[in-house]
């Protein structure tokens, strides 16, 4: 079963980036202030009879749309990155009334309360049950190795330009590294805000601009299809292999391996830049050749350049950021590290 037709009508608006029904644009940066809708939103895992077959591993993504309204994806096989068949998604819509959230699509009704999602068919027969979970990246909290340059550890900002830190020790968006980079490995952790009244590019937008030339998008893309301009996408060039975006206000990780473009003495490019990206420990780009700069990035060239954490006017937060410079001799050993991470993510 492919994504049903209502998906197109629900999500075609997402690319526009306008508030839902012109609601007030809000951004919550803590769970405490996020309200009741946030407690419903998120990932659920369990067993559901889909298409007449009991799927012992099923997933549900519930996405808040503001003022008690929700959409959801019922996924055969589990959640994204855990066997979920994202090309076999049933999209549901609904709202909360009297403390109970009810979502429906043809043949399915999901009732959510107290962290449990009960699924019934059109005859009212129970066909599944899922429970709310909060996943954590396998690379969360990864310590900086001895040879790393620590860009942000919650306190010291000496290696950053224009850094602003919140009272609880989180780095705000809109910051440059003093380090100029060519070949490197980068680890960073980020958290998008909860913006239930916003859609598309207006919902938790930032980006990791490598050399200020190539952007790996940061966005609240939880529950979306995973386009090039959504979380994990190489902006305007390549979508992620899988949309690994977790719900807003859940910490996420990027682990990026980058080899800069090569130029000859005449300034002619002889090899494209190459990037591998792990989003929450799952490979979403593997040895992808960047054909040119992305979007508003700086022109390609042989010079080392800084990394920019983009300010797109949304309160995205960062922590535990470090990088390891790599020279030609370090590339092959680094590939072994990358491959170990790949095995760990399976």
C-alpha atoms as a PDB file:
ATOM      1  CA  UNK A   1       0.000   0.000   0.000  1.00  0.00           C
ATOM      2  CA  UNK A   2       1.443   3.407  -0.925  1.00  0.00           C
ATOM      3  CA  UNK A   3       0.857   6.643   0.904  1.00  0.00           C
ATOM      4  CA  UNK A   4      -2.833   7.257   0.472  1.00  0.00           C
ATOM      5  CA  UNK A   5      -4.226  10.171  -1.472  1.00  0.00           C
ATOM      6  CA  UNK A   6      -4.956  12.333   1.540  1.00  0.00           C
ATOM      7  CA  UNK A   7      -1.189  12.566   2.101  1.00  0.00           C
ATOM      8  CA  UNK A   8      -0.909  14.830  -0.933  1.00  0.00           C
ATOM      9  CA  UNK A   9      -3.536  17.272   0.233  1.00  0.00           C
ATOM     10  CA  UNK A  10      -2.201  17.340   3.791  1.00  0.00           C
ATOM     11  CA  UNK A  11       1.462  17.707   2.918  1.00  0.00           C
ATOM     12  CA  UNK A  12       1.431  19.759  -0.292  1.00  0.00           C
ATOM     13  CA  UNK A  13       1.068  22.816   1.915  1.00  0.00           C
ATOM     14  CA  UNK A  14       4.198  21.890   3.885  1.00  0.00           C
ATOM     15  CA  UNK A  15       6.569  23.193   1.260  1.00  0.00           C
ATOM     16  CA  UNK A  16       5.040  26.648   1.423  1.00  0.00           C
ATOM     17  CA  UNK A  17       6.095  27.214   5.019  1.00  0.00           C
ATOM     18  CA  UNK A  18       3.018  29.179   6.093  1.00  0.00           C
ATOM     19  CA  UNK A  19       1.401  28.917   9.530  1.00  0.00           C
ATOM     20  CA  UNK A  20      -1.542  26.519   9.724  1.00  0.00           C
ATOM     21  CA  UNK A  21      -4.797  28.461   9.280  1.00  0.00           C
ATOM     22  CA  UNK A  22      -2.813  31.656   9.970  1.00  0.00           C
ATOM     23  CA  UNK A  23      -2.288  30.686  13.599  1.00  0.00           C
ATOM     24  CA  UNK A  24       0.174  32.664  15.671  1.00  0.00           C
ATOM     25  CA  UNK A  25       3.738  31.515  15.017  1.00  0.00           C
ATOM     26  CA  UNK A  26       5.167  30.136  18.258  1.00  0.00           C
ATOM     27  CA  UNK A  27       8.384  28.334  19.167  1.00  0.00           C
ATOM     28  CA  UNK A  28       8.780  26.332  22.367  1.00  0.00           C
ATOM     29  CA  UNK A  29      12.315  25.405  23.436  1.00  0.00           C
ATOM     30  CA  UNK A  30      11.506  23.246  26.473  1.00  0.00           C
ATOM     31  CA  UNK A  31       9.109  20.370  27.065  1.00  0.00           C
ATOM     32  CA  UNK A  32       7.806  22.113  30.191  1.00  0.00           C
ATOM     33  CA  UNK A  33       6.368  24.984  28.155  1.00  0.00           C
ATOM     34  CA  UNK A  34       5.330  22.962  25.091  1.00  0.00           C
ATOM     35  CA  UNK A  35       1.813  22.136  26.298  1.00  0.00           C
ATOM     36  CA  UNK A  36      -0.583  19.222  25.935  1.00  0.00           C
ATOM     37  CA  UNK A  37      -0.158  18.733  22.187  1.00  0.00           C
ATOM     38  CA  UNK A  38       3.505  17.931  22.665  1.00  0.00           C
ATOM     39  CA  UNK A  39       2.645  15.100  25.037  1.00  0.00           C
ATOM     40  CA  UNK A  40       0.623  13.480  22.237  1.00  0.00           C
ATOM     41  CA  UNK A  41       3.129  14.105  19.458  1.00  0.00           C
ATOM     42  CA  UNK A  42       5.970  11.662  18.968  1.00  0.00           C
ATOM     43  CA  UNK A  43       6.863   8.094  18.088  1.00  0.00           C
ATOM     44  CA  UNK A  44       4.897   4.983  19.036  1.00  0.00           C
ATOM     45  CA  UNK A  45       5.912   1.367  18.573  1.00  0.00           C
ATOM     46  CA  UNK A  46       3.893  -1.844  18.768  1.00  0.00           C
ATOM     47  CA  UNK A  47       1.930  -4.383  16.720  1.00  0.00           C
ATOM     48  CA  UNK A  48      -0.922  -3.580  14.317  1.00  0.00           C
ATOM     49  CA  UNK A  49      -2.893  -5.633  11.803  1.00  0.00           C
ATOM     50  CA  UNK A  50      -2.270  -3.719   8.565  1.00  0.00           C
ATOM     51  CA  UNK A  51      -3.849  -4.871   5.323  1.00  0.00           C
ATOM     52  CA  UNK A  52      -5.248  -7.891   7.138  1.00  0.00           C
ATOM     53  CA  UNK A  53      -1.805  -9.068   8.254  1.00  0.00           C
ATOM     54  CA  UNK A  54      -0.575  -8.719  11.839  1.00  0.00           C
ATOM     55  CA  UNK A  55       2.608  -6.659  11.703  1.00  0.00           C
ATOM     56  CA  UNK A  56       4.455  -7.471  14.917  1.00  0.00           C
ATOM     57  CA  UNK A  57       6.697  -4.481  14.265  1.00  0.00           C
ATOM     58  CA  UNK A  58       4.687  -1.373  13.472  1.00  0.00           C
ATOM     59  CA  UNK A  59       5.379   2.296  14.010  1.00  0.00           C
ATOM     60  CA  UNK A  60       3.313   5.426  14.426  1.00  0.00           C
ATOM     61  CA  UNK A  61       4.528   8.993  13.989  1.00  0.00           C
ATOM     62  CA  UNK A  62       2.151  11.607  15.421  1.00  0.00           C
ATOM     63  CA  UNK A  63       2.758  15.190  14.274  1.00  0.00           C
ATOM     64  CA  UNK A  64       1.170  18.210  15.974  1.00  0.00           C
ATOM     65  CA  UNK A  65      -0.439  20.769  13.660  1.00  0.00           C
ATOM     66  CA  UNK A  66      -1.521  23.312  16.255  1.00  0.00           C
ATOM     67  CA  UNK A  67      -4.602  23.870  18.422  1.00  0.00           C
ATOM     68  CA  UNK A  68      -5.169  20.193  19.133  1.00  0.00           C
ATOM     69  CA  UNK A  69      -4.970  19.028  15.521  1.00  0.00           C
ATOM     70  CA  UNK A  70      -2.694  16.209  14.353  1.00  0.00           C
ATOM     71  CA  UNK A  71      -1.622  14.105  11.423  1.00  0.00           C
ATOM     72  CA  UNK A  72       0.014  10.701  11.800  1.00  0.00           C
ATOM     73  CA  UNK A  73       1.835   8.044   9.811  1.00  0.00           C
ATOM     74  CA  UNK A  74       1.065   4.384  10.502  1.00  0.00           C
ATOM     75  CA  UNK A  75       4.113   2.460   9.278  1.00  0.00           C
ATOM     76  CA  UNK A  76       4.454  -1.230   8.524  1.00  0.00           C
ATOM     77  CA  UNK A  77       7.710  -2.780   9.738  1.00  0.00           C
ATOM     78  CA  UNK A  78       8.500  -0.291  12.492  1.00  0.00           C
ATOM     79  CA  UNK A  79       9.891   3.223  12.739  1.00  0.00           C
ATOM     80  CA  UNK A  80      12.341   4.984  10.428  1.00  0.00           C
ATOM     81  CA  UNK A  81      15.763   3.379  10.605  1.00  0.00           C
ATOM     82  CA  UNK A  82      14.344   0.332  12.397  1.00  0.00           C
ATOM     83  CA  UNK A  83      12.782  -1.540   9.506  1.00  0.00           C
ATOM     84  CA  UNK A  84       9.918   0.833   8.808  1.00  0.00           C
ATOM     85  CA  UNK A  85       8.648   0.613   5.232  1.00  0.00           C
ATOM     86  CA  UNK A  86       8.330   4.315   4.563  1.00  0.00           C
ATOM     87  CA  UNK A  87       6.824   3.663   1.134  1.00  0.00           C
ATOM     88  CA  UNK A  88       3.954   1.820   2.860  1.00  0.00           C
ATOM     89  CA  UNK A  89       2.521   4.534   5.060  1.00  0.00           C
ATOM     90  CA  UNK A  90      -1.090   5.138   6.010  1.00  0.00           C
ATOM     91  CA  UNK A  91      -1.729   8.801   6.784  1.00  0.00           C
ATOM     92  CA  UNK A  92      -4.325   9.680   9.418  1.00  0.00           C
ATOM     93  CA  UNK A  93      -5.820  12.983  10.576  1.00  0.00           C
ATOM     94  CA  UNK A  94      -7.650  14.029  13.706  1.00  0.00           C
ATOM     95  CA  UNK A  95      -7.833  16.135  16.826  1.00  0.00           C
ATOM     96  CA  UNK A  96      -8.010  16.073  20.603  1.00  0.00           C
ATOM     97  CA  UNK A  97     -11.332  16.337  22.429  1.00  0.00           C
ATOM     98  CA  UNK A  98     -11.903  15.859  26.162  1.00  0.00           C
ATOM     99  CA  UNK A  99      -8.336  14.663  26.665  1.00  0.00           C
ATOM    100  CA  UNK A 100      -8.486  11.933  24.012  1.00  0.00           C
ATOM    101  CA  UNK A 101      -6.903  12.247  20.581  1.00  0.00           C
ATOM    102  CA  UNK A 102      -8.637  10.412  17.741  1.00  0.00           C
ATOM    103  CA  UNK A 103      -7.063   9.986  14.309  1.00  0.00           C
ATOM    104  CA  UNK A 104      -8.633   8.245  11.345  1.00  0.00           C
ATOM    105  CA  UNK A 105      -8.143   7.077   7.780  1.00  0.00           C
ATOM    106  CA  UNK A 106     -10.175   4.650   5.695  1.00  0.00           C
ATOM    107  CA  UNK A 107     -10.163   1.360   7.585  1.00  0.00           C
ATOM    108  CA  UNK A 108      -8.284   2.618  10.639  1.00  0.00           C
ATOM    109  CA  UNK A 109      -8.984   4.643  13.772  1.00  0.00           C
ATOM    110  CA  UNK A 110      -6.256   5.429  16.287  1.00  0.00           C
ATOM    111  CA  UNK A 111      -7.159   6.591  19.788  1.00  0.00           C
ATOM    112  CA  UNK A 112      -4.352   8.085  21.875  1.00  0.00           C
ATOM    113  CA  UNK A 113      -4.382   8.644  25.624  1.00  0.00           C
ATOM    114  CA  UNK A 114      -1.778   8.347  28.394  1.00  0.00           C
ATOM    115  CA  UNK A 115       1.006   7.352  26.007  1.00  0.00           C
ATOM    116  CA  UNK A 116      -0.919   4.460  24.436  1.00  0.00           C
ATOM    117  CA  UNK A 117      -2.291   4.273  20.885  1.00  0.00           C
ATOM    118  CA  UNK A 118      -5.113   1.783  20.353  1.00  0.00           C
ATOM    119  CA  UNK A 119      -6.003   0.930  16.753  1.00  0.00           C
ATOM    120  CA  UNK A 120      -9.420  -0.281  15.577  1.00  0.00           C
ATOM    121  CA  UNK A 121     -10.901  -1.052  12.172  1.00  0.00           C
ATOM    122  CA  UNK A 122     -14.095   0.368  10.690  1.00  0.00           C
ATOM    123  CA  UNK A 123     -16.118  -2.302  12.508  1.00  0.00           C
ATOM    124  CA  UNK A 124     -14.719  -1.134  15.840  1.00  0.00           C
ATOM    125  CA  UNK A 125     -12.610  -4.260  16.318  1.00  0.00           C
ATOM    126  CA  UNK A 126      -9.249  -3.720  18.002  1.00  0.00           C
ATOM    127  CA  UNK A 127      -6.428  -4.520  15.582  1.00  0.00           C
ATOM    128  CA  UNK A 128      -3.385  -3.092  17.323  1.00  0.00           C
ATOM    129  CA  UNK A 129      -1.711  -1.309  20.191  1.00  0.00           C
ATOM    130  CA  UNK A 130       1.379   0.900  20.296  1.00  0.00           C
ATOM    131  CA  UNK A 131       3.182   2.699  23.106  1.00  0.00           C
ATOM    132  CA  UNK A 132       4.912   6.057  23.097  1.00  0.00           C
ATOM    133  CA  UNK A 133       8.709   5.867  23.044  1.00  0.00           C
ATOM    134  CA  UNK A 134      11.590   8.356  22.974  1.00  0.00           C
ATOM    135  CA  UNK A 135      14.539   7.163  20.916  1.00  0.00           C
ATOM    136  CA  UNK A 136      18.137   8.264  21.400  1.00  0.00           C
ATOM    137  CA  UNK A 137      20.878   8.312  18.793  1.00  0.00           C
ATOM    138  CA  UNK A 138      23.573   5.670  19.214  1.00  0.00           C
ATOM    139  CA  UNK A 139      26.184   8.445  18.920  1.00  0.00           C
ATOM    140  CA  UNK A 140      24.573  10.748  21.496  1.00  0.00           C
ATOM    141  CA  UNK A 141      27.152  12.052  23.951  1.00  0.00           C
ATOM    142  CA  UNK A 142      30.077  10.738  21.922  1.00  0.00           C
ATOM    143  CA  UNK A 143      33.220  12.100  23.613  1.00  0.00           C
ATOM    144  CA  UNK A 144      35.783  14.070  21.664  1.00  0.00           C
ATOM    145  CA  UNK A 145      38.900  12.006  20.894  1.00  0.00           C
ATOM    146  CA  UNK A 146      42.280  13.251  22.051  1.00  0.00           C
ATOM    147  CA  UNK A 147      43.166  14.777  18.683  1.00  0.00           C
ATOM    148  CA  UNK A 148      39.852  16.627  18.313  1.00  0.00           C
ATOM    149  CA  UNK A 149      39.290  20.363  18.302  1.00  0.00           C
ATOM    150  CA  UNK A 150      36.426  20.963  20.731  1.00  0.00           C
ATOM    151  CA  UNK A 151      34.210  23.662  19.260  1.00  0.00           C
ATOM    152  CA  UNK A 152      31.619  23.730  22.036  1.00  0.00           C
ATOM    153  CA  UNK A 153      31.445  21.800  25.304  1.00  0.00           C
ATOM    154  CA  UNK A 154      28.699  23.754  27.047  1.00  0.00           C
ATOM    155  CA  UNK A 155      30.967  26.498  28.351  1.00  0.00           C
ATOM    156  CA  UNK A 156      34.030  27.404  26.293  1.00  0.00           C
ATOM    157  CA  UNK A 157      33.368  29.342  23.082  1.00  0.00           C
ATOM    158  CA  UNK A 158      36.973  30.312  22.292  1.00  0.00           C
ATOM    159  CA  UNK A 159      36.852  28.410  18.992  1.00  0.00           C
ATOM    160  CA  UNK A 160      33.675  30.149  17.813  1.00  0.00           C
ATOM    161  CA  UNK A 161      32.773  33.549  16.374  1.00  0.00           C
ATOM    162  CA  UNK A 162      29.626  35.404  17.520  1.00  0.00           C
ATOM    163  CA  UNK A 163      28.688  32.586  19.882  1.00  0.00           C
ATOM    164  CA  UNK A 164      25.692  33.048  22.166  1.00  0.00           C
ATOM    165  CA  UNK A 165      24.968  30.562  24.934  1.00  0.00           C
ATOM    166  CA  UNK A 166      21.673  30.091  26.766  1.00  0.00           C
ATOM    167  CA  UNK A 167      21.454  30.134  30.551  1.00  0.00           C
ATOM    168  CA  UNK A 168      21.340  26.329  30.537  1.00  0.00           C
ATOM    169  CA  UNK A 169      24.540  26.005  28.512  1.00  0.00           C
ATOM    170  CA  UNK A 170      23.260  25.436  24.981  1.00  0.00           C
ATOM    171  CA  UNK A 171      24.709  27.057  21.882  1.00  0.00           C
ATOM    172  CA  UNK A 172      22.355  29.241  19.876  1.00  0.00           C
ATOM    173  CA  UNK A 173      22.122  29.321  16.092  1.00  0.00           C
ATOM    174  CA  UNK A 174      24.096  31.796  13.969  1.00  0.00           C
ATOM    175  CA  UNK A 175      27.717  30.992  14.791  1.00  0.00           C
ATOM    176  CA  UNK A 176      30.942  30.460  12.834  1.00  0.00           C
ATOM    177  CA  UNK A 177      33.902  28.286  13.701  1.00  0.00           C
ATOM    178  CA  UNK A 178      37.306  29.916  13.952  1.00  0.00           C
ATOM    179  CA  UNK A 179      38.697  26.672  12.578  1.00  0.00           C
ATOM    180  CA  UNK A 180      39.081  26.654   8.808  1.00  0.00           C
ATOM    181  CA  UNK A 181      38.386  23.186   7.468  1.00  0.00           C
ATOM    182  CA  UNK A 182      39.233  20.997   4.512  1.00  0.00           C
ATOM    183  CA  UNK A 183      39.108  17.279   5.325  1.00  0.00           C
ATOM    184  CA  UNK A 184      37.537  16.458   8.678  1.00  0.00           C
ATOM    185  CA  UNK A 185      35.157  14.436  10.819  1.00  0.00           C
ATOM    186  CA  UNK A 186      32.515  16.401  12.732  1.00  0.00           C
ATOM    187  CA  UNK A 187      30.213  15.418  15.576  1.00  0.00           C
ATOM    188  CA  UNK A 188      27.422  17.715  16.726  1.00  0.00           C
ATOM    189  CA  UNK A 189      24.162  17.428  18.604  1.00  0.00           C
ATOM    190  CA  UNK A 190      21.149  19.601  17.835  1.00  0.00           C
ATOM    191  CA  UNK A 191      17.586  20.128  18.978  1.00  0.00           C
ATOM    192  CA  UNK A 192      14.820  21.729  16.958  1.00  0.00           C
ATOM    193  CA  UNK A 193      12.095  23.747  18.718  1.00  0.00           C
ATOM    194  CA  UNK A 194       8.449  22.709  18.911  1.00  0.00           C
ATOM    195  CA  UNK A 195       6.590  24.944  16.436  1.00  0.00           C
ATOM    196  CA  UNK A 196       3.167  23.298  16.006  1.00  0.00           C
ATOM    197  CA  UNK A 197       1.588  26.216  14.150  1.00  0.00           C
ATOM    198  CA  UNK A 198       4.266  26.340  11.450  1.00  0.00           C
ATOM    199  CA  UNK A 199       5.011  24.213   8.416  1.00  0.00           C
ATOM    200  CA  UNK A 200       7.820  23.368   6.040  1.00  0.00           C
ATOM    201  CA  UNK A 201      10.839  25.674   6.008  1.00  0.00           C
ATOM    202  CA  UNK A 202       9.311  27.777   8.797  1.00  0.00           C
ATOM    203  CA  UNK A 203       9.501  24.950  11.338  1.00  0.00           C
ATOM    204  CA  UNK A 204      12.804  24.690  13.232  1.00  0.00           C
ATOM    205  CA  UNK A 205      15.081  25.760  10.385  1.00  0.00           C
ATOM    206  CA  UNK A 206      18.875  25.925  10.562  1.00  0.00           C
ATOM    207  CA  UNK A 207      21.726  24.245   8.729  1.00  0.00           C
ATOM    208  CA  UNK A 208      25.311  23.041   8.964  1.00  0.00           C
ATOM    209  CA  UNK A 209      27.173  24.975   6.270  1.00  0.00           C
ATOM    210  CA  UNK A 210      30.430  23.125   5.644  1.00  0.00           C
ATOM    211  CA  UNK A 211      33.112  25.569   4.475  1.00  0.00           C
ATOM    212  CA  UNK A 212      30.175  27.991   4.194  1.00  0.00           C
ATOM    213  CA  UNK A 213      29.663  26.265   0.843  1.00  0.00           C
ATOM    214  CA  UNK A 214      27.669  23.093   1.374  1.00  0.00           C
ATOM    215  CA  UNK A 215      24.581  22.893   3.586  1.00  0.00           C
ATOM    216  CA  UNK A 216      23.305  19.841   5.405  1.00  0.00           C
ATOM    217  CA  UNK A 217      19.818  20.978   6.358  1.00  0.00           C
ATOM    218  CA  UNK A 218      18.542  21.139   9.925  1.00  0.00           C
ATOM    219  CA  UNK A 219      14.750  21.267  10.160  1.00  0.00           C
ATOM    220  CA  UNK A 220      11.840  19.834  12.103  1.00  0.00           C
ATOM    221  CA  UNK A 221      11.020  17.291   9.392  1.00  0.00           C
ATOM    222  CA  UNK A 222       9.583  14.708  11.753  1.00  0.00           C
ATOM    223  CA  UNK A 223       7.072  12.573   9.862  1.00  0.00           C
ATOM    224  CA  UNK A 224       7.730  14.091   6.440  1.00  0.00           C
ATOM    225  CA  UNK A 225       8.928  12.277   3.313  1.00  0.00           C
ATOM    226  CA  UNK A 226      12.530  13.466   3.466  1.00  0.00           C
ATOM    227  CA  UNK A 227      13.229  15.870   0.599  1.00  0.00           C
ATOM    228  CA  UNK A 228      16.522  17.619  -0.165  1.00  0.00           C
ATOM    229  CA  UNK A 229      15.363  20.721   1.718  1.00  0.00           C
ATOM    230  CA  UNK A 230      14.348  18.755   4.825  1.00  0.00           C
ATOM    231  CA  UNK A 231      16.405  17.539   7.750  1.00  0.00           C
ATOM    232  CA  UNK A 232      19.463  15.617   6.590  1.00  0.00           C
ATOM    233  CA  UNK A 233      19.142  16.763   3.006  1.00  0.00           C
ATOM    234  CA  UNK A 234      22.059  18.174   1.053  1.00  0.00           C
ATOM    235  CA  UNK A 235      20.208  21.361   0.226  1.00  0.00           C
ATOM    236  CA  UNK A 236      18.892  21.434  -3.353  1.00  0.00           C
ATOM    237  CA  UNK A 237      21.099  18.493  -4.308  1.00  0.00           C
ATOM    238  CA  UNK A 238      20.192  15.246  -2.590  1.00  0.00           C
ATOM    239  CA  UNK A 239      17.538  13.994  -0.166  1.00  0.00           C
ATOM    240  CA  UNK A 240      18.573  11.759   2.731  1.00  0.00           C
ATOM    241  CA  UNK A 241      18.402   8.022   2.082  1.00  0.00           C
ATOM    242  CA  UNK A 242      15.922   7.837   4.970  1.00  0.00           C
ATOM    243  CA  UNK A 243      14.216  10.577   6.954  1.00  0.00           C
ATOM    244  CA  UNK A 244      15.733  10.005  10.401  1.00  0.00           C
ATOM    245  CA  UNK A 245      14.325  13.192  11.932  1.00  0.00           C
ATOM    246  CA  UNK A 246      13.159  12.628  15.490  1.00  0.00           C
ATOM    247  CA  UNK A 247      10.407  14.749  17.061  1.00  0.00           C
ATOM    248  CA  UNK A 248      11.194  18.356  18.002  1.00  0.00           C
ATOM    249  CA  UNK A 249      12.763  18.919  21.432  1.00  0.00           C
ATOM    250  CA  UNK A 250      14.429  15.497  21.176  1.00  0.00           C
ATOM    251  CA  UNK A 251      18.215  15.741  20.895  1.00  0.00           C
ATOM    252  CA  UNK A 252      19.627  14.462  17.604  1.00  0.00           C
ATOM    253  CA  UNK A 253      23.095  13.875  16.174  1.00  0.00           C
ATOM    254  CA  UNK A 254      24.989  14.502  12.969  1.00  0.00           C
ATOM    255  CA  UNK A 255      28.255  12.681  12.354  1.00  0.00           C
ATOM    256  CA  UNK A 256      29.782  14.068   9.174  1.00  0.00           C
ATOM    257  CA  UNK A 257      32.830  12.858   7.265  1.00  0.00           C
ATOM    258  CA  UNK A 258      33.992  15.369   4.650  1.00  0.00           C
ATOM    259  CA  UNK A 259      36.708  15.440   2.007  1.00  0.00           C
ATOM    260  CA  UNK A 260      37.153  18.844   0.381  1.00  0.00           C
ATOM    261  CA  UNK A 261      37.080  19.415  -3.360  1.00  0.00           C
ATOM    262  CA  UNK A 262      40.489  19.285  -5.043  1.00  0.00           C
ATOM    263  CA  UNK A 263      41.884  21.981  -7.327  1.00  0.00           C
ATOM    264  CA  UNK A 264      45.002  22.208  -9.480  1.00  0.00           C
ATOM    265  CA  UNK A 265      47.465  25.092  -9.525  1.00  0.00           C
ATOM    266  CA  UNK A 266      45.404  26.834 -12.189  1.00  0.00           C
ATOM    267  CA  UNK A 267      42.412  26.862  -9.837  1.00  0.00           C
ATOM    268  CA  UNK A 268      40.490  24.248 -11.813  1.00  0.00           C
ATOM    269  CA  UNK A 269      38.500  21.685  -9.862  1.00  0.00           C
ATOM    270  CA  UNK A 270      39.913  18.197 -10.316  1.00  0.00           C
ATOM    271  CA  UNK A 271      37.686  16.319  -7.851  1.00  0.00           C
ATOM    272  CA  UNK A 272      34.344  17.011  -6.209  1.00  0.00           C
ATOM    273  CA  UNK A 273      33.950  17.308  -2.463  1.00  0.00           C
ATOM    274  CA  UNK A 274      32.736  14.047  -0.914  1.00  0.00           C
ATOM    275  CA  UNK A 275      30.471  13.761   2.120  1.00  0.00           C
ATOM    276  CA  UNK A 276      29.141  10.979   4.320  1.00  0.00           C
ATOM    277  CA  UNK A 277      26.474  11.841   6.898  1.00  0.00           C
ATOM    278  CA  UNK A 278      25.027   9.803   9.759  1.00  0.00           C
ATOM    279  CA  UNK A 279      21.795  11.192  11.192  1.00  0.00           C
ATOM    280  CA  UNK A 280      21.096   9.741  14.623  1.00  0.00           C
ATOM    281  CA  UNK A 281      23.632   7.029  13.852  1.00  0.00           C
ATOM    282  CA  UNK A 282      22.000   5.950  10.581  1.00  0.00           C
ATOM    283  CA  UNK A 283      23.789   6.584   7.255  1.00  0.00           C
ATOM    284  CA  UNK A 284      21.765   8.987   5.115  1.00  0.00           C
ATOM    285  CA  UNK A 285      24.532   9.948   2.634  1.00  0.00           C
ATOM    286  CA  UNK A 286      27.468   7.683   1.836  1.00  0.00           C
ATOM    287  CA  UNK A 287      30.401   9.042  -0.191  1.00  0.00           C
ATOM    288  CA  UNK A 288      28.135  11.495  -1.993  1.00  0.00           C
ATOM    289  CA  UNK A 289      29.947  13.793  -4.432  1.00  0.00           C
ATOM    290  CA  UNK A 290      28.884  17.405  -4.038  1.00  0.00           C
ATOM    291  CA  UNK A 291      28.661  18.729  -7.582  1.00  0.00           C
ATOM    292  CA  UNK A 292      28.702  22.382  -6.549  1.00  0.00           C
ATOM    293  CA  UNK A 293      27.903  24.698  -3.672  1.00  0.00           C
ATOM    294  CA  UNK A 294      24.392  24.428  -2.249  1.00  0.00           C
ATOM    295  CA  UNK A 295      21.811  27.201  -2.232  1.00  0.00           C
ATOM    296  CA  UNK A 296      23.248  30.438  -0.867  1.00  0.00           C
ATOM    297  CA  UNK A 297      26.637  28.861  -0.135  1.00  0.00           C
ATOM    298  CA  UNK A 298      29.932  30.538  -0.964  1.00  0.00           C
ATOM    299  CA  UNK A 299      31.541  29.650  -4.333  1.00  0.00           C
ATOM    300  CA  UNK A 300      33.715  26.561  -4.405  1.00  0.00           C
ATOM    301  CA  UNK A 301      37.460  27.071  -4.185  1.00  0.00           C
ATOM    302  CA  UNK A 302      40.700  25.560  -2.893  1.00  0.00           C
ATOM    303  CA  UNK A 303      40.851  27.574   0.319  1.00  0.00           C
ATOM    304  CA  UNK A 304      39.899  26.226   3.725  1.00  0.00           C
ATOM    305  CA  UNK A 305      36.761  27.872   5.131  1.00  0.00           C
ATOM    306  CA  UNK A 306      34.824  27.812   8.437  1.00  0.00           C
ATOM    307  CA  UNK A 307      31.674  25.915   9.351  1.00  0.00           C
ATOM    308  CA  UNK A 308      28.510  27.982   9.852  1.00  0.00           C
ATOM    309  CA  UNK A 309      25.547  26.986  11.996  1.00  0.00           C
ATOM    310  CA  UNK A 310      22.883  28.945  10.180  1.00  0.00           C
ATOM    311  CA  UNK A 311      20.556  31.475  11.781  1.00  0.00           C
ATOM    312  CA  UNK A 312      17.186  31.108  10.070  1.00  0.00           C
ATOM    313  CA  UNK A 313      15.308  32.948  12.853  1.00  0.00           C
ATOM    314  CA  UNK A 314      14.244  29.747  14.628  1.00  0.00           C
ATOM    315  CA  UNK A 315      15.627  28.831  18.090  1.00  0.00           C
ATOM    316  CA  UNK A 316      17.590  25.685  17.198  1.00  0.00           C
ATOM    317  CA  UNK A 317      20.054  24.635  19.908  1.00  0.00           C
ATOM    318  CA  UNK A 318      23.413  22.834  19.726  1.00  0.00           C
ATOM    319  CA  UNK A 319      25.792  21.046  22.100  1.00  0.00           C
ATOM    320  CA  UNK A 320      28.803  18.683  22.153  1.00  0.00           C
ATOM    321  CA  UNK A 321      30.435  19.875  18.932  1.00  0.00           C
ATOM    322  CA  UNK A 322      33.915  18.738  17.957  1.00  0.00           C
ATOM    323  CA  UNK A 323      35.912  17.985  14.851  1.00  0.00           C
ATOM    324  CA  UNK A 324      39.000  16.046  13.862  1.00  0.00           C
ATOM    325  CA  UNK A 325      41.126  17.434  11.041  1.00  0.00           C
ATOM    326  CA  UNK A 326      42.153  14.738   8.564  1.00  0.00           C
ATOM    327  CA  UNK A 327      45.099  14.750   6.203  1.00  0.00           C
ATOM    328  CA  UNK A 328      45.662  12.280   3.381  1.00  0.00           C
ATOM    329  CA  UNK A 329      47.391   9.828   5.728  1.00  0.00           C
ATOM    330  CA  UNK A 330      44.398   9.860   8.075  1.00  0.00           C
ATOM    331  CA  UNK A 331      41.678   9.238   5.495  1.00  0.00           C
ATOM    332  CA  UNK A 332      41.909   5.430   5.370  1.00  0.00           C
ATOM    333  CA  UNK A 333      42.059   4.870   9.168  1.00  0.00           C
ATOM    334  CA  UNK A 334      39.122   7.256   9.459  1.00  0.00           C
ATOM    335  CA  UNK A 335      37.122   5.123   7.053  1.00  0.00           C
ATOM    336  CA  UNK A 336      37.516   2.238   9.504  1.00  0.00           C
ATOM    337  CA  UNK A 337      35.991   4.413  12.236  1.00  0.00           C
ATOM    338  CA  UNK A 338      33.149   5.302   9.903  1.00  0.00           C
ATOM    339  CA  UNK A 339      32.521   1.676   9.014  1.00  0.00           C
ATOM    340  CA  UNK A 340      32.393   0.705  12.701  1.00  0.00           C
ATOM    341  CA  UNK A 341      29.708   3.336  13.160  1.00  0.00           C
ATOM    342  CA  UNK A 342      27.827   1.862  10.220  1.00  0.00           C
ATOM    343  CA  UNK A 343      27.915  -1.603  11.799  1.00  0.00           C
ATOM    344  CA  UNK A 344      26.761  -0.171  15.127  1.00  0.00           C
ATOM    345  CA  UNK A 345      23.758   1.454  13.465  1.00  0.00           C
ATOM    346  CA  UNK A 346      22.425  -1.801  11.999  1.00  0.00           C
END
